[in-house]
């Protein structure tokens, strides 16, 4: 269960009907009752579909501890 996602250092590229976000996020989760926290570097892509922004892909790589 994700308990928090805190993005920072986010950069946006506006490509018209598509926006690409890149950045770093601190993720907090609870798995089988055990809390865990780690950082990721991410790329997130949104597309404007019929006037609504929709996330179309998310890719993240866990950062070293």
N, C-alpha and C. Protein backbone atom coordinates (compact mmCIF):
# COMPACT_ATOMS: atom_id res chain seq x y z
N UNK A 1 0.84 -1.16 0.00
CA UNK A 1 0.00 0.00 0.00
C UNK A 1 0.90 1.24 0.00
N UNK A 2 0.70 2.11 -1.00
CA UNK A 2 1.43 3.37 -1.03
C UNK A 2 0.85 4.30 0.03
N UNK A 3 1.72 4.84 0.89
CA UNK A 3 1.25 5.77 1.92
C UNK A 3 1.65 7.20 1.61
N UNK A 4 2.66 7.40 0.75
CA UNK A 4 3.06 8.76 0.35
C UNK A 4 3.92 8.69 -0.91
N UNK A 5 3.73 9.68 -1.76
CA UNK A 5 4.59 9.90 -2.92
C UNK A 5 4.90 11.39 -2.93
N UNK A 6 6.18 11.73 -2.69
CA UNK A 6 6.57 13.13 -2.59
C UNK A 6 7.56 13.46 -3.71
N UNK A 7 7.06 14.04 -4.82
CA UNK A 7 7.96 14.38 -5.92
C UNK A 7 8.72 15.67 -5.65
N UNK A 8 9.92 15.78 -6.22
CA UNK A 8 10.68 17.02 -6.16
C UNK A 8 11.62 17.07 -7.36
N UNK A 9 12.18 18.24 -7.59
CA UNK A 9 13.07 18.47 -8.74
C UNK A 9 12.40 18.04 -10.04
N UNK A 10 11.10 18.37 -10.17
CA UNK A 10 10.32 17.97 -11.34
C UNK A 10 10.50 18.98 -12.47
N UNK A 11 10.77 18.49 -13.65
CA UNK A 11 10.89 19.32 -14.86
C UNK A 11 9.79 18.87 -15.83
N UNK A 12 9.18 19.84 -16.51
CA UNK A 12 8.11 19.54 -17.47
C UNK A 12 8.52 19.99 -18.86
N UNK A 13 8.23 19.16 -19.83
CA UNK A 13 8.41 19.50 -21.25
C UNK A 13 7.03 19.49 -21.89
N UNK A 14 6.57 20.65 -22.32
CA UNK A 14 5.26 20.79 -22.96
C UNK A 14 5.44 20.58 -24.46
N UNK A 15 4.88 19.51 -24.96
CA UNK A 15 4.99 19.17 -26.38
C UNK A 15 3.65 19.31 -27.09
N UNK A 16 2.80 20.20 -26.60
CA UNK A 16 1.49 20.41 -27.22
C UNK A 16 0.44 19.55 -26.54
N UNK A 17 0.06 18.45 -27.19
CA UNK A 17 -0.93 17.54 -26.62
C UNK A 17 -0.30 16.48 -25.73
N UNK A 18 1.00 16.60 -25.49
CA UNK A 18 1.72 15.67 -24.61
C UNK A 18 2.63 16.48 -23.69
N UNK A 19 2.68 16.08 -22.43
CA UNK A 19 3.61 16.67 -21.47
C UNK A 19 4.44 15.55 -20.87
N UNK A 20 5.76 15.75 -20.84
CA UNK A 20 6.68 14.78 -20.25
C UNK A 20 7.25 15.38 -18.97
N UNK A 21 7.07 14.67 -17.87
CA UNK A 21 7.60 15.09 -16.57
C UNK A 21 8.76 14.17 -16.20
N UNK A 22 9.84 14.76 -15.70
CA UNK A 22 10.94 13.97 -15.16
C UNK A 22 11.28 14.53 -13.79
N UNK A 23 11.73 13.67 -12.90
CA UNK A 23 12.08 14.14 -11.57
C UNK A 23 12.47 13.00 -10.65
N UNK A 24 12.46 13.34 -9.38
CA UNK A 24 12.80 12.40 -8.32
C UNK A 24 11.62 12.39 -7.35
N UNK A 25 11.36 11.24 -6.75
CA UNK A 25 10.28 11.15 -5.76
C UNK A 25 10.72 10.27 -4.60
N UNK A 26 10.23 10.63 -3.42
CA UNK A 26 10.41 9.77 -2.25
C UNK A 26 9.11 9.00 -2.08
N UNK A 27 9.19 7.68 -2.06
CA UNK A 27 8.03 6.80 -1.99
C UNK A 27 8.00 6.14 -0.61
N UNK A 28 6.82 6.10 0.00
CA UNK A 28 6.63 5.38 1.26
C UNK A 28 5.53 4.35 1.03
N UNK A 29 5.80 3.11 1.43
CA UNK A 29 4.85 2.02 1.25
C UNK A 29 4.78 1.20 2.54
N UNK A 30 3.71 0.43 2.65
CA UNK A 30 3.58 -0.57 3.70
C UNK A 30 3.27 -1.89 3.02
N UNK A 31 4.11 -2.90 3.28
CA UNK A 31 3.93 -4.22 2.68
C UNK A 31 3.89 -5.27 3.78
N UNK A 32 2.80 -5.99 3.85
CA UNK A 32 2.62 -7.00 4.91
C UNK A 32 2.84 -6.40 6.30
N UNK A 33 2.38 -5.16 6.48
CA UNK A 33 2.48 -4.49 7.76
C UNK A 33 3.82 -3.84 8.04
N UNK A 34 4.77 -3.97 7.12
CA UNK A 34 6.11 -3.40 7.31
C UNK A 34 6.28 -2.15 6.47
N UNK A 35 6.55 -0.99 7.11
CA UNK A 35 6.77 0.23 6.34
C UNK A 35 8.14 0.23 5.66
N UNK A 36 8.22 0.87 4.51
CA UNK A 36 9.47 0.98 3.77
C UNK A 36 9.46 2.32 3.04
N UNK A 37 10.63 2.91 2.85
CA UNK A 37 10.74 4.18 2.12
C UNK A 37 11.97 4.09 1.21
N UNK A 38 11.85 4.69 0.03
CA UNK A 38 12.95 4.67 -0.93
C UNK A 38 12.74 5.79 -1.94
N UNK A 39 13.81 6.15 -2.63
CA UNK A 39 13.76 7.17 -3.65
C UNK A 39 13.74 6.56 -5.04
N UNK A 40 13.13 7.27 -5.98
CA UNK A 40 13.11 6.84 -7.38
C UNK A 40 13.37 8.06 -8.27
N UNK A 41 13.92 7.81 -9.44
CA UNK A 41 13.96 8.79 -10.52
C UNK A 41 12.88 8.35 -11.49
N UNK A 42 12.06 9.30 -11.98
CA UNK A 42 10.91 8.90 -12.80
C UNK A 42 10.76 9.72 -14.07
N UNK A 43 10.07 9.12 -15.02
CA UNK A 43 9.57 9.78 -16.22
C UNK A 43 8.08 9.47 -16.29
N UNK A 44 7.27 10.50 -16.48
CA UNK A 44 5.81 10.38 -16.47
C UNK A 44 5.29 11.13 -17.70
N UNK A 45 4.42 10.50 -18.48
CA UNK A 45 3.92 11.11 -19.70
C UNK A 45 2.40 11.23 -19.63
N UNK A 46 1.91 12.45 -19.92
CA UNK A 46 0.48 12.72 -19.97
C UNK A 46 0.11 13.14 -21.39
N UNK A 47 -1.06 12.71 -21.86
CA UNK A 47 -1.57 13.09 -23.17
C UNK A 47 -2.94 13.75 -23.00
N UNK A 48 -3.19 14.79 -23.80
CA UNK A 48 -4.48 15.45 -23.80
C UNK A 48 -5.38 14.67 -24.76
N UNK A 49 -6.36 14.01 -24.19
CA UNK A 49 -7.29 13.18 -24.97
C UNK A 49 -8.69 13.73 -24.80
N UNK A 50 -9.17 14.39 -25.84
CA UNK A 50 -10.52 14.95 -25.80
C UNK A 50 -10.68 16.03 -24.74
N UNK A 51 -9.62 16.82 -24.50
CA UNK A 51 -9.70 17.90 -23.51
C UNK A 51 -9.40 17.47 -22.10
N UNK A 52 -9.07 16.20 -21.89
CA UNK A 52 -8.74 15.69 -20.56
C UNK A 52 -7.31 15.17 -20.57
N UNK A 53 -6.55 15.53 -19.54
CA UNK A 53 -5.17 15.04 -19.43
C UNK A 53 -5.19 13.66 -18.79
N UNK A 54 -4.54 12.71 -19.46
CA UNK A 54 -4.52 11.33 -19.00
C UNK A 54 -3.07 10.84 -18.93
N UNK A 55 -2.71 10.23 -17.80
CA UNK A 55 -1.39 9.62 -17.71
C UNK A 55 -1.37 8.42 -18.65
N UNK A 56 -0.36 8.37 -19.52
CA UNK A 56 -0.26 7.26 -20.46
C UNK A 56 0.91 6.34 -20.16
N UNK A 57 1.90 6.82 -19.42
CA UNK A 57 2.98 5.93 -19.02
C UNK A 57 3.73 6.52 -17.83
N UNK A 58 4.29 5.63 -17.03
CA UNK A 58 5.12 5.99 -15.88
C UNK A 58 6.24 4.98 -15.85
N UNK A 59 7.45 5.46 -15.71
CA UNK A 59 8.62 4.58 -15.57
C UNK A 59 9.45 5.14 -14.45
N UNK A 60 9.88 4.26 -13.55
CA UNK A 60 10.73 4.73 -12.45
C UNK A 60 11.84 3.72 -12.20
N UNK A 61 12.94 4.26 -11.70
CA UNK A 61 14.10 3.45 -11.34
C UNK A 61 14.46 3.78 -9.89
N UNK A 62 14.57 2.75 -9.09
CA UNK A 62 14.89 2.96 -7.68
C UNK A 62 16.31 3.48 -7.55
N UNK A 63 16.48 4.47 -6.69
CA UNK A 63 17.80 5.04 -6.44
C UNK A 63 18.53 4.22 -5.38
N UNK A 64 19.86 4.21 -5.44
CA UNK A 64 20.61 3.49 -4.40
C UNK A 64 20.33 4.07 -3.02
N UNK A 65 20.37 3.23 -2.04
CA UNK A 65 20.06 3.66 -0.65
C UNK A 65 21.10 4.59 -0.09
